[in-house]
Amino acid sequence: MTAAVATAAPLTLALADEAATTALAEDIAAVLRPGDLVALEGDLGAGKTTFARALVRALADDPLFEVPSPTFTLVQSYDLPRLSVAHLDLYRLVDPSELDELGLDELLVHGAALVEWPGRGGDRLPPPTFTLALADGPEPEARVATIVARPEAAGRLARSLSVRRFLEAAGWVRAARRHLQGDASTRTYERVHAAGRSAVLMDAPARPDGPPVKDGKPYSRIARLAEDVRPFVAVATALAERGISAPHLYAADLDAGLLLTEDLGHEGVVADGRPIPERYAAATDLLAAFHATPMPGPVKLADGTLYAPPPYDAAAMTIEVELLLDWYVPHATGAPLDPAPAAEFRRLWSARFADLAASERHWILRDYHSPNLLWLPERQGLARVGVIDFQDAVIGPPAYDVASLLQDARVTVPAGLAEELLGRYVEARAEADPVFNAARFGADYATLCAQRATKILGIFARLDRRDGKPHYLAHLPRVRDYLAHAVTHPVLSGLRLWYETAGIL
């Protein structure tokens, strides 16, 4: 017999028409995960198949996606971009044991399942994550939905329904919600459509403090990572005031961590996995122009608070490079590093960070690379480059952003192009500021290329081992190549010897 599973209190929703049923299907699709089973209950004609089709089409990001009824085949499976899903109709099931032949347990390992007439599966059906019962409402198309969910899933659903209320309060009633590929963080993104317009939703609830890792502080605080959406709003405001195409803000709930922003489109600065030189040149010009202007001051937010980015100090840079010791070295060698070479690693980096402390300071966007840059050909000048990810901005050496762009962890930037664009940046800065120190900038650039590559090797190894995202490992050879080139600069000779001795290069 299937063991009883704890559930949250039932939730009852009035659905005025089929569009409301579709919206609810999209709300559940937005939070569906591998292993989830959605049991669909209700009489014939209650709307179970309508709901299932809407959910599958939301996952497929295609309103015309063909979703045939599985009444006769019992199961239809869909391998969709974000999540595989199986749609089962057990109405014709003669005996629950027939479920064994459908391989539902295997389907749930990597995907989700929608099951109509779940009662016919008996104890052969795994406990549902969500049970949705549909009944007739007061009007022909109206329905009443009663949802019972496991406690964790109930929290996910509550968050999704709060997103729906946020959209409707912002004037985006019955907006279609579609998953948008996000970054490696806990933030999620959606592209929403309503009345012929589109926008991007950022769902980023305040980040809870993690366990202390050093000096009683969590990693995110030491590394100066954004803990809510206020930094995004503040930096977007400052960039827009300087003519840079950051997304315009349509609506915000700062406390809930919900933002509705301008949709800057799909067109990036890379084609067929390679940088487009013209677009990379424009992105380089944007950095040079931004860094040549006076550093922005604190930004006043709608709630009356002031925000300025935190300093990118030695503590932040140190805990980032230590990710190599914590994650990449065990990944590459199968064992942690001995204390003596680990101490030497920290000593060498400490000397470089002490030297960086005397470098120029400006706002640095920190994630200024191809996944976060869009091409806007209809705009002019610097505004042709859209910048969409900067909530982790800090105050530090401007060379960091140039390193982010020209040493892209996900796209190989040919060495010749990187050198050309680096020269372009230096020339523009020197023209704007006669006292700009090109030699000093070159040392900073090499140091921050190496620091960033070191950090990313650790992050990508961590994403594989801790977070179950092995696809990041494919980028490690590229990042090692960047690191090998960076440490050829004379100021990094000691670190070059360390990496070679440790077998990293």
Protein backbone atom coordinates (compact mmCIF):
# COMPACT_ATOMS: atom_id res chain seq x y z
CA MET A 1 0.00 0.00 0.00
CA THR A 2 1.13 3.56 -0.70
CA ALA A 3 2.09 5.35 2.50
CA ALA A 4 0.07 8.40 3.53
CA VAL A 5 1.73 11.69 2.65
CA ALA A 6 1.25 14.93 4.59
CA THR A 7 -0.53 17.69 2.67
CA ALA A 8 -1.27 21.35 3.22
CA ALA A 9 -4.81 22.65 3.71
CA PRO A 10 -6.96 22.56 0.54
CA LEU A 11 -7.05 25.70 -1.60
CA THR A 12 -10.26 26.54 -3.47
CA LEU A 13 -10.20 28.87 -6.47
CA ALA A 14 -13.07 30.18 -8.58
CA LEU A 15 -12.21 30.05 -12.29
CA ALA A 16 -14.51 32.35 -14.23
CA ASP A 17 -13.87 30.87 -17.67
CA GLU A 18 -11.54 28.72 -19.74
CA ALA A 19 -8.94 31.52 -19.81
CA ALA A 20 -8.82 31.41 -16.02
CA THR A 21 -8.31 27.62 -16.15
CA THR A 22 -5.47 28.17 -18.61
CA ALA A 23 -3.92 30.79 -16.32
CA LEU A 24 -3.99 28.37 -13.39
CA ALA A 25 -2.33 25.71 -15.54
CA GLU A 26 0.44 28.20 -16.36
CA ASP A 27 0.81 29.10 -12.69
CA ILE A 28 1.40 25.44 -11.82
CA ALA A 29 3.63 24.88 -14.86
CA ALA A 30 5.86 27.72 -13.65
CA VAL A 31 6.78 25.79 -10.49
CA LEU A 32 6.66 22.21 -11.73
CA ARG A 33 9.78 20.15 -11.05
CA PRO A 34 11.09 16.68 -11.94
CA GLY A 35 9.32 14.10 -9.78
CA ASP A 36 6.08 16.08 -9.48
CA LEU A 37 2.86 14.22 -10.12
CA VAL A 38 -0.30 16.25 -10.73
CA ALA A 39 -3.47 14.23 -10.16
CA LEU A 40 -6.44 15.65 -12.08
CA GLU A 41 -9.87 14.75 -10.69
CA GLY A 42 -13.37 15.61 -11.84
CA ASP A 43 -16.31 14.31 -13.83
CA LEU A 44 -16.35 13.93 -17.61
CA GLY A 45 -16.25 17.40 -19.16
CA ALA A 46 -14.96 19.05 -15.99
CA GLY A 47 -11.94 20.46 -17.81
CA LYS A 48 -9.14 18.06 -16.87
CA THR A 49 -7.87 17.69 -20.44
CA THR A 50 -8.21 21.43 -21.04
CA PHE A 51 -6.04 22.05 -17.98
CA ALA A 52 -3.49 19.41 -19.03
CA ARG A 53 -3.20 20.80 -22.56
CA ALA A 54 -2.68 24.33 -21.25
CA LEU A 55 0.04 23.15 -18.86
CA VAL A 56 1.90 21.19 -21.57
CA ARG A 57 1.66 24.12 -23.98
CA ALA A 58 3.05 26.44 -21.32
CA LEU A 59 6.04 24.13 -20.84
CA ALA A 60 6.45 23.89 -24.62
CA ASP A 61 6.20 27.70 -24.96
CA ASP A 62 3.86 27.15 -27.89
CA PRO A 63 0.12 27.97 -27.71
CA LEU A 64 -0.51 25.74 -30.77
CA PHE A 65 1.53 22.77 -29.55
CA GLU A 66 -0.38 19.58 -30.36
CA VAL A 67 -1.48 17.77 -27.20
CA PRO A 68 -3.68 14.81 -28.19
CA SER A 69 -5.81 13.11 -25.59
CA PRO A 70 -4.15 9.97 -24.19
CA THR A 71 -7.51 8.26 -23.65
CA PHE A 72 -6.66 5.38 -25.99
CA THR A 73 -2.87 5.33 -25.70
CA LEU A 74 -3.04 5.79 -21.88
CA VAL A 75 0.10 7.96 -21.95
CA GLN A 76 1.58 10.70 -24.12
CA SER A 77 5.14 11.84 -23.33
CA TYR A 78 6.71 15.17 -24.25
CA ASP A 79 10.43 15.94 -24.10
CA LEU A 80 10.23 19.70 -23.60
CA PRO A 81 13.08 22.23 -23.17
CA ARG A 82 12.69 22.93 -19.46
CA LEU A 83 10.99 19.77 -18.25
CA SER A 84 9.82 16.49 -19.73
CA VAL A 85 6.20 15.71 -18.95
CA ALA A 86 3.98 12.65 -19.33
CA HIS A 87 0.22 13.01 -19.73
CA LEU A 88 -1.73 9.93 -18.58
CA ASP A 89 -5.43 9.19 -18.86
CA LEU A 90 -6.34 6.14 -16.77
CA TYR A 91 -10.06 6.10 -17.66
CA ARG A 92 -9.65 2.89 -19.72
CA LEU A 93 -7.30 1.23 -17.23
CA VAL A 94 -8.68 -2.25 -16.48
CA ASP A 95 -6.40 -3.09 -13.57
CA PRO A 96 -3.96 -0.89 -11.59
CA SER A 97 -1.18 -3.37 -12.36
CA GLU A 98 -1.24 -2.11 -15.97
CA LEU A 99 0.50 1.02 -14.65
CA ASP A 100 3.67 -1.02 -14.20
CA GLU A 101 3.97 -1.33 -17.98
CA LEU A 102 3.78 2.45 -18.48
CA GLY A 103 7.05 3.07 -16.63
CA LEU A 104 5.70 5.99 -14.61
CA ASP A 105 8.40 5.72 -11.95
CA GLU A 106 11.09 6.07 -14.62
CA LEU A 107 9.27 9.03 -16.20
CA LEU A 108 9.24 10.82 -12.85
CA VAL A 109 13.00 10.54 -12.41
CA HIS A 110 13.64 13.30 -14.95
CA GLY A 111 10.19 14.76 -15.56
CA ALA A 112 6.70 15.40 -14.25
CA ALA A 113 3.40 13.66 -14.87
CA LEU A 114 -0.23 14.75 -15.28
CA VAL A 115 -2.69 11.98 -14.46
CA GLU A 116 -6.39 12.08 -15.30
CA TRP A 117 -8.65 9.67 -13.41
CA PRO A 118 -5.92 8.93 -10.85
CA GLY A 119 -8.28 6.88 -8.66
CA ARG A 120 -8.12 4.06 -11.17
CA GLY A 121 -4.41 3.67 -10.52
CA GLY A 122 -5.05 2.46 -6.98
CA ASP A 123 -1.97 2.00 -4.82
CA ARG A 124 0.22 1.58 -7.94
CA LEU A 125 0.16 5.35 -8.45
CA PRO A 126 2.83 7.32 -6.53
CA PRO A 127 1.49 9.87 -4.03
CA PRO A 128 0.60 13.05 -5.94
CA THR A 129 2.47 16.29 -5.42
CA PHE A 130 -0.62 18.27 -6.39
CA THR A 131 -4.20 17.01 -6.54
CA LEU A 132 -6.46 19.29 -8.59
CA ALA A 133 -10.19 18.61 -8.50
CA LEU A 134 -12.33 20.49 -11.03
CA ALA A 135 -16.08 20.95 -10.67
CA ASP A 136 -18.70 22.95 -12.54
CA GLY A 137 -19.12 26.60 -11.59
CA PRO A 138 -22.15 28.91 -11.82
CA GLU A 139 -21.66 29.65 -15.55
CA PRO A 140 -21.13 27.23 -18.45
CA GLU A 141 -17.35 27.87 -18.70
CA ALA A 142 -16.83 28.54 -15.01
CA ARG A 143 -15.10 25.97 -12.82
CA VAL A 144 -14.23 25.58 -9.18
CA ALA A 145 -10.75 24.22 -8.56
CA THR A 146 -9.75 22.60 -5.29
CA ILE A 147 -6.03 22.00 -4.89
CA VAL A 148 -4.34 19.84 -2.28
CA ALA A 149 -0.55 19.82 -2.25
CA ARG A 150 2.31 18.52 -0.23
CA PRO A 151 3.61 21.23 2.14
CA GLU A 152 6.75 22.03 0.12
CA ALA A 153 4.78 22.09 -3.13
CA ALA A 154 2.10 24.23 -1.50
CA GLY A 155 4.80 26.82 -0.82
CA ARG A 156 5.83 26.76 -4.47
CA LEU A 157 2.22 27.16 -5.59
CA ALA A 158 1.59 30.00 -3.14
CA ARG A 159 4.60 31.84 -4.57
CA SER A 160 3.37 31.31 -8.12
CA LEU A 161 -0.11 32.57 -7.28
CA SER A 162 1.43 35.64 -5.63
CA VAL A 163 3.27 36.28 -8.90
CA ARG A 164 -0.07 36.11 -10.70
CA ARG A 165 -1.58 38.65 -8.29
CA PHE A 166 1.46 40.90 -8.76
CA LEU A 167 1.03 40.79 -12.54
CA GLU A 168 -2.66 41.55 -12.36
CA ALA A 169 -2.09 44.46 -9.96
CA ALA A 170 0.43 45.84 -12.48
CA GLY A 171 -2.23 45.72 -15.22
CA TRP A 172 -1.08 42.48 -16.82
CA VAL A 173 -4.36 40.59 -16.41
CA ARG A 174 -4.38 36.97 -17.66
CA ALA A 175 -0.83 37.38 -18.87
CA ALA A 176 0.69 34.29 -20.45
CA ARG A 177 3.69 33.13 -18.40
CA ARG A 178 6.66 31.40 -20.02
CA HIS A 179 9.85 30.19 -18.40
CA LEU A 180 12.91 32.19 -19.40
CA GLN A 181 16.35 30.70 -19.12
CA GLY A 182 18.02 32.17 -16.08
CA ASP A 183 21.47 32.23 -14.60
CA ALA A 184 23.26 30.02 -12.13
CA SER A 185 21.64 31.74 -9.14
CA THR A 186 18.42 31.04 -7.25
CA ARG A 187 16.61 33.78 -9.16
CA THR A 188 14.03 32.71 -11.74
CA TYR A 189 12.80 34.60 -14.77
CA GLU A 190 9.71 34.51 -16.96
CA ARG A 191 8.68 36.23 -20.15
CA VAL A 192 5.06 37.35 -19.82
CA HIS A 193 2.70 38.36 -22.63
CA ALA A 194 -0.59 40.25 -22.52
CA ALA A 195 -2.51 42.36 -25.04
CA GLY A 196 0.28 42.27 -27.62
CA ARG A 197 3.06 43.37 -25.26
CA SER A 198 5.73 41.47 -23.41
CA ALA A 199 7.83 41.97 -20.28
CA VAL A 200 10.28 40.04 -18.14
CA LEU A 201 9.42 38.98 -14.61
CA MET A 202 12.23 38.56 -12.09
CA ASP A 203 11.30 36.37 -9.12
CA ALA A 204 14.01 36.88 -6.52
CA PRO A 205 12.82 36.58 -2.92
CA ALA A 206 15.22 37.87 -0.31
CA ARG A 207 18.14 35.50 0.04
CA PRO A 208 18.28 33.93 3.53
CA ASP A 209 21.67 33.93 5.16
CA GLY A 210 23.49 30.67 4.60
CA PRO A 211 25.68 28.96 7.16
CA PRO A 212 28.67 30.94 8.40
CA VAL A 213 31.83 30.11 6.48
CA LYS A 214 34.31 32.64 7.81
CA ASP A 215 34.34 35.17 10.66
CA GLY A 216 30.75 34.20 11.48
CA LYS A 217 29.49 35.42 8.09
CA PRO A 218 27.87 33.50 5.20
CA TYR A 219 29.53 33.28 1.80
CA SER A 220 27.05 35.64 0.10
CA ARG A 221 27.74 38.46 2.53
CA ILE A 222 31.53 38.14 2.31
CA ALA A 223 31.44 37.89 -1.49
CA ARG A 224 29.13 40.93 -1.64
CA LEU A 225 26.28 39.20 -3.44
CA ALA A 226 22.88 40.87 -3.66
CA GLU A 227 20.44 39.64 -1.03
CA ASP A 228 17.25 41.18 -2.47
CA VAL A 229 16.07 43.07 -5.57
CA ARG A 230 16.94 46.57 -4.36
CA PRO A 231 20.45 46.49 -5.89
CA PHE A 232 18.98 45.62 -9.30
CA VAL A 233 16.55 48.53 -9.16
CA ALA A 234 19.22 50.98 -8.00
CA VAL A 235 21.82 49.98 -10.58
CA ALA A 236 19.25 49.92 -13.40
CA THR A 237 18.25 53.46 -12.45
CA ALA A 238 21.85 54.71 -12.45
CA LEU A 239 22.64 53.05 -15.79
CA ALA A 240 19.52 54.42 -17.48
CA GLU A 241 20.37 57.93 -16.28
CA ARG A 242 23.67 57.57 -18.18
CA GLY A 243 22.05 56.51 -21.44
CA ILE A 244 22.72 52.79 -21.01
CA SER A 245 19.98 50.36 -22.02
CA ALA A 246 19.13 48.71 -18.72
CA PRO A 247 15.58 47.31 -18.54
CA HIS A 248 12.94 49.89 -17.66
CA LEU A 249 11.02 48.99 -14.51
CA TYR A 250 7.24 48.60 -14.98
CA ALA A 251 6.34 47.39 -11.50
CA ALA A 252 8.11 46.31 -8.33
CA ASP A 253 7.37 44.71 -4.99
CA LEU A 254 10.69 45.22 -3.24
CA ASP A 255 9.74 43.32 -0.12
CA ALA A 256 8.37 40.32 -2.02
CA GLY A 257 11.30 40.29 -4.46
CA LEU A 258 9.21 40.67 -7.61
CA LEU A 259 10.09 42.94 -10.52
CA LEU A 260 8.39 43.41 -13.88
CA THR A 261 10.83 44.89 -16.37
CA GLU A 262 11.16 45.87 -19.98
CA ASP A 263 11.72 43.00 -22.40
CA LEU A 264 14.87 43.82 -24.37
CA GLY A 265 14.35 40.90 -26.72
CA HIS A 266 16.32 37.82 -27.71
CA GLU A 267 19.15 39.04 -29.92
CA GLY A 268 22.54 38.69 -28.27
CA VAL A 269 26.16 39.54 -29.04
CA VAL A 270 27.11 35.98 -30.04
CA ALA A 271 26.21 33.96 -33.14
CA ASP A 272 26.85 30.24 -33.60
CA GLY A 273 28.81 30.18 -30.36
CA ARG A 274 31.24 32.91 -31.49
CA PRO A 275 31.48 36.59 -30.56
CA ILE A 276 30.20 39.08 -33.13
CA PRO A 277 33.13 41.54 -33.30
CA GLU A 278 31.00 44.63 -34.02
CA ARG A 279 28.81 43.94 -31.01
CA TYR A 280 31.70 43.13 -28.71
CA ALA A 281 33.30 46.40 -29.82
CA ALA A 282 30.12 48.29 -28.91
CA ALA A 283 30.04 46.52 -25.52
CA THR A 284 33.68 47.54 -24.98
CA ASP A 285 32.89 51.15 -25.88
CA LEU A 286 30.04 51.13 -23.36
CA LEU A 287 32.40 50.09 -20.58
CA ALA A 288 35.00 52.69 -21.52
CA ALA A 289 32.39 55.45 -21.60
CA PHE A 290 30.81 54.38 -18.31
CA HIS A 291 34.12 54.08 -16.49
CA ALA A 292 35.22 57.47 -17.82
CA THR A 293 32.28 59.22 -16.16
CA PRO A 294 32.19 60.14 -12.47
CA MET A 295 31.15 57.21 -10.32
CA PRO A 296 27.40 57.32 -9.53
CA GLY A 297 26.35 58.24 -6.03
CA PRO A 298 23.75 56.44 -3.89
CA VAL A 299 20.39 55.90 -5.60
CA LYS A 300 17.13 56.69 -3.82
CA LEU A 301 14.58 53.88 -4.11
CA ALA A 302 10.80 54.06 -4.09
CA ASP A 303 10.65 53.06 -0.42
CA GLY A 304 12.86 56.01 0.50
CA THR A 305 16.01 53.99 1.16
CA LEU A 306 19.37 54.80 -0.43
CA TYR A 307 21.50 52.18 -2.13
CA ALA A 308 25.11 52.17 -3.29
CA PRO A 309 27.09 49.06 -4.27
CA PRO A 310 29.37 47.60 -1.59
CA PRO A 311 33.16 47.58 -1.99
CA TYR A 312 34.80 44.73 -3.86
CA ASP A 313 37.42 44.33 -1.18
CA ALA A 314 40.16 41.81 -0.45
CA ALA A 315 37.80 39.71 1.69
CA ALA A 316 35.37 39.31 -1.21
CA MET A 317 38.06 38.52 -3.76
CA THR A 318 39.77 36.09 -1.39
CA ILE A 319 36.72 33.99 -0.62
CA GLU A 320 36.07 33.78 -4.35
CA VAL A 321 39.52 32.48 -5.29
CA GLU A 322 39.31 30.01 -2.38
CA LEU A 323 36.53 28.28 -4.31
CA LEU A 324 39.32 26.75 -6.38
CA LEU A 325 40.75 25.12 -3.24
CA ASP A 326 37.36 24.04 -1.93
CA TRP A 327 35.82 22.67 -5.13
CA TYR A 328 38.04 22.63 -8.21
CA VAL A 329 41.13 21.00 -6.72
CA PRO A 330 39.14 18.03 -5.32
CA HIS A 331 37.32 17.80 -8.67
CA ALA A 332 40.55 17.77 -10.66
CA THR A 333 42.75 15.68 -8.37
CA GLY A 334 40.31 13.69 -6.27
CA ALA A 335 41.76 15.02 -3.00
CA PRO A 336 41.97 18.30 -1.07
CA LEU A 337 45.14 20.37 -1.24
CA ASP A 338 47.75 20.03 1.51
CA PRO A 339 47.84 22.92 4.03
CA ALA A 340 51.25 24.29 2.96
CA PRO A 341 50.46 24.94 -0.74
CA ALA A 342 47.01 26.21 0.24
CA ALA A 343 48.63 28.75 2.57
CA GLU A 344 51.05 29.80 -0.19
CA PHE A 345 48.10 30.24 -2.58
CA ARG A 346 46.44 32.61 -0.12
CA ARG A 347 49.67 34.52 0.51
CA LEU A 348 50.28 35.12 -3.18
CA TRP A 349 46.75 36.30 -3.80
CA SER A 350 46.82 38.51 -0.70
CA ALA A 351 49.77 40.39 -2.17
CA ARG A 352 47.93 40.98 -5.44
CA PHE A 353 44.79 42.15 -3.65
CA ALA A 354 46.85 44.57 -1.56
CA ASP A 355 48.22 46.03 -4.78
CA LEU A 356 44.72 46.29 -6.31
CA ALA A 357 43.60 48.35 -3.32
CA ALA A 358 45.53 51.31 -4.78
CA SER A 359 43.84 51.05 -8.21
CA GLU A 360 41.10 53.35 -9.50
CA ARG A 361 37.57 52.67 -8.29
CA HIS A 362 34.22 52.73 -10.08
CA TRP A 363 30.97 50.81 -10.18
CA ILE A 364 31.68 47.44 -11.78
CA LEU A 365 28.73 45.41 -13.01
CA ARG A 366 30.48 42.10 -12.27
CA ASP A 367 28.50 39.90 -14.69
CA TYR A 368 29.22 41.84 -17.86
CA HIS A 369 29.46 38.99 -20.37
CA SER A 370 27.57 37.53 -23.29
CA PRO A 371 24.65 35.84 -21.48
CA ASN A 372 23.71 39.23 -20.01
CA LEU A 373 24.18 41.42 -23.08
CA LEU A 374 21.54 41.96 -25.77
CA TRP A 375 21.78 43.69 -29.13
CA LEU A 376 19.28 46.47 -29.85
CA PRO A 377 19.92 47.52 -33.48
CA GLU A 378 17.03 49.98 -33.49
CA ARG A 379 18.81 52.12 -30.89
CA GLN A 380 21.78 54.39 -31.37
CA GLY A 381 25.30 54.58 -29.94
CA LEU A 382 25.92 53.00 -26.56
CA ALA A 383 22.20 52.26 -26.20
CA ARG A 384 22.54 49.48 -28.80
CA VAL A 385 23.88 47.21 -26.05
CA GLY A 386 21.27 46.06 -23.55
CA VAL A 387 22.54 45.09 -20.10
CA ILE A 388 20.28 42.83 -18.04
CA ASP A 389 22.19 41.37 -15.07
CA PHE A 390 23.97 43.65 -12.62
CA GLN A 391 22.43 43.17 -9.17
CA ASP A 392 25.78 41.99 -7.82
CA ALA A 393 27.49 45.25 -8.83
CA VAL A 394 30.27 46.41 -6.53
CA ILE A 395 32.76 49.26 -6.30
CA GLY A 396 36.17 48.09 -7.46
CA PRO A 397 38.76 48.17 -10.24
CA PRO A 398 37.08 48.79 -13.64
CA ALA A 399 39.39 46.22 -15.22
CA TYR A 400 37.14 43.52 -13.75
CA ASP A 401 34.30 44.30 -16.18
CA VAL A 402 36.68 44.30 -19.13
CA ALA A 403 37.93 40.89 -18.00
CA SER A 404 34.34 39.63 -17.72
CA LEU A 405 33.63 40.62 -21.31
CA LEU A 406 36.88 39.54 -22.97
CA GLN A 407 37.38 36.34 -20.94
CA ASP A 408 33.83 35.02 -21.33
CA ALA A 409 33.50 31.72 -19.49
CA ARG A 410 30.81 30.37 -21.83
CA VAL A 411 32.07 31.66 -25.19
CA THR A 412 35.62 31.52 -26.50
CA VAL A 413 36.83 35.03 -27.24
CA PRO A 414 39.79 34.59 -29.63
CA ALA A 415 43.02 35.99 -28.21
CA GLY A 416 43.45 38.35 -31.16
CA LEU A 417 39.99 39.84 -30.72
CA ALA A 418 40.47 40.16 -26.97
CA GLU A 419 43.78 42.02 -27.46
CA GLU A 420 42.22 44.31 -30.07
CA LEU A 421 39.29 45.21 -27.82
CA LEU A 422 41.50 45.65 -24.78
CA GLY A 423 43.52 48.15 -26.79
CA ARG A 424 40.32 49.83 -27.89
CA TYR A 425 39.21 50.24 -24.27
CA VAL A 426 42.59 51.60 -23.14
CA GLU A 427 42.72 54.07 -26.03
CA ALA A 428 39.22 55.37 -25.24
CA ARG A 429 40.02 55.74 -21.55
CA ALA A 430 43.30 57.53 -22.26
CA GLU A 431 41.58 59.89 -24.66
CA ALA A 432 38.93 60.74 -22.06
CA ASP A 433 41.42 61.07 -19.19
CA PRO A 434 45.01 62.20 -19.83
CA VAL A 435 46.15 60.80 -16.46
CA PHE A 436 44.75 57.32 -17.15
CA ASN A 437 47.57 54.88 -16.36
CA ALA A 438 47.60 52.26 -19.11
CA ALA A 439 50.40 50.21 -17.55
CA ARG A 440 48.66 50.08 -14.21
CA PHE A 441 45.42 49.11 -15.91
CA GLY A 442 47.21 46.30 -17.77
CA ALA A 443 48.46 44.81 -14.49
CA ASP A 444 44.99 45.14 -12.96
CA TYR A 445 43.44 43.49 -16.01
CA ALA A 446 45.79 40.50 -15.88
CA THR A 447 45.25 40.10 -12.13
CA LEU A 448 41.47 40.23 -12.42
CA CYS A 449 41.43 37.89 -15.42
CA ALA A 450 43.30 35.39 -13.27
CA GLN A 451 41.15 36.04 -10.21
CA ARG A 452 37.96 35.64 -12.19
CA ALA A 453 39.12 32.46 -13.95
CA THR A 454 40.20 30.99 -10.61
CA LYS A 455 36.81 31.75 -9.09
CA ILE A 456 34.90 30.34 -12.06
CA LEU A 457 36.81 27.06 -12.03
CA GLY A 458 35.63 26.66 -8.43
CA ILE A 459 32.07 27.76 -9.16
CA PHE A 460 31.62 25.42 -12.12
CA ALA A 461 33.02 22.48 -10.17
CA ARG A 462 30.63 23.36 -7.32
CA LEU A 463 27.67 23.60 -9.70
CA ASP A 464 28.45 20.07 -10.83
CA ARG A 465 29.09 18.42 -7.50
CA ARG A 466 26.78 20.30 -5.15
CA ASP A 467 23.97 21.44 -7.45
CA GLY A 468 23.80 18.58 -9.95
CA LYS A 469 24.54 20.74 -13.00
CA PRO A 470 27.31 18.86 -14.85
CA HIS A 471 26.91 20.82 -18.10
CA TYR A 472 29.06 23.59 -16.61
CA LEU A 473 32.07 21.24 -16.70
CA ALA A 474 32.21 21.64 -20.49
CA HIS A 475 33.48 25.20 -19.99
CA LEU A 476 36.43 24.29 -17.75
CA PRO A 477 39.05 23.89 -20.55
CA ARG A 478 38.22 27.38 -21.87
CA VAL A 479 38.54 28.92 -18.42
CA ARG A 480 41.86 27.14 -17.80
CA ASP A 481 43.15 28.57 -21.10
CA TYR A 482 42.16 32.07 -19.99
CA LEU A 483 43.94 31.52 -16.69
CA ALA A 484 47.09 30.25 -18.39
CA HIS A 485 47.24 33.36 -20.56
CA ALA A 486 46.55 35.77 -17.68
CA VAL A 487 49.36 34.49 -15.45
CA THR A 488 51.97 35.20 -18.12
CA HIS A 489 51.90 38.85 -16.98
CA PRO A 490 55.04 39.63 -14.92
CA VAL A 491 53.08 40.71 -11.82
CA LEU A 492 51.64 37.18 -11.65
CA SER A 493 54.88 35.22 -11.96
CA GLY A 494 54.58 33.78 -8.46
CA LEU A 495 51.01 32.66 -9.05
CA ARG A 496 51.98 31.18 -12.40
CA LEU A 497 54.54 28.97 -10.69
CA TRP A 498 51.99 27.96 -8.03
CA TYR A 499 49.33 26.93 -10.60
CA GLU A 500 51.88 24.97 -12.62
CA THR A 501 53.26 23.21 -9.55
CA ALA A 502 49.76 22.37 -8.34
CA GLY A 503 48.93 20.85 -11.71
CA ILE A 504 46.16 23.34 -12.43
CA LEU A 505 47.88 24.50 -15.64
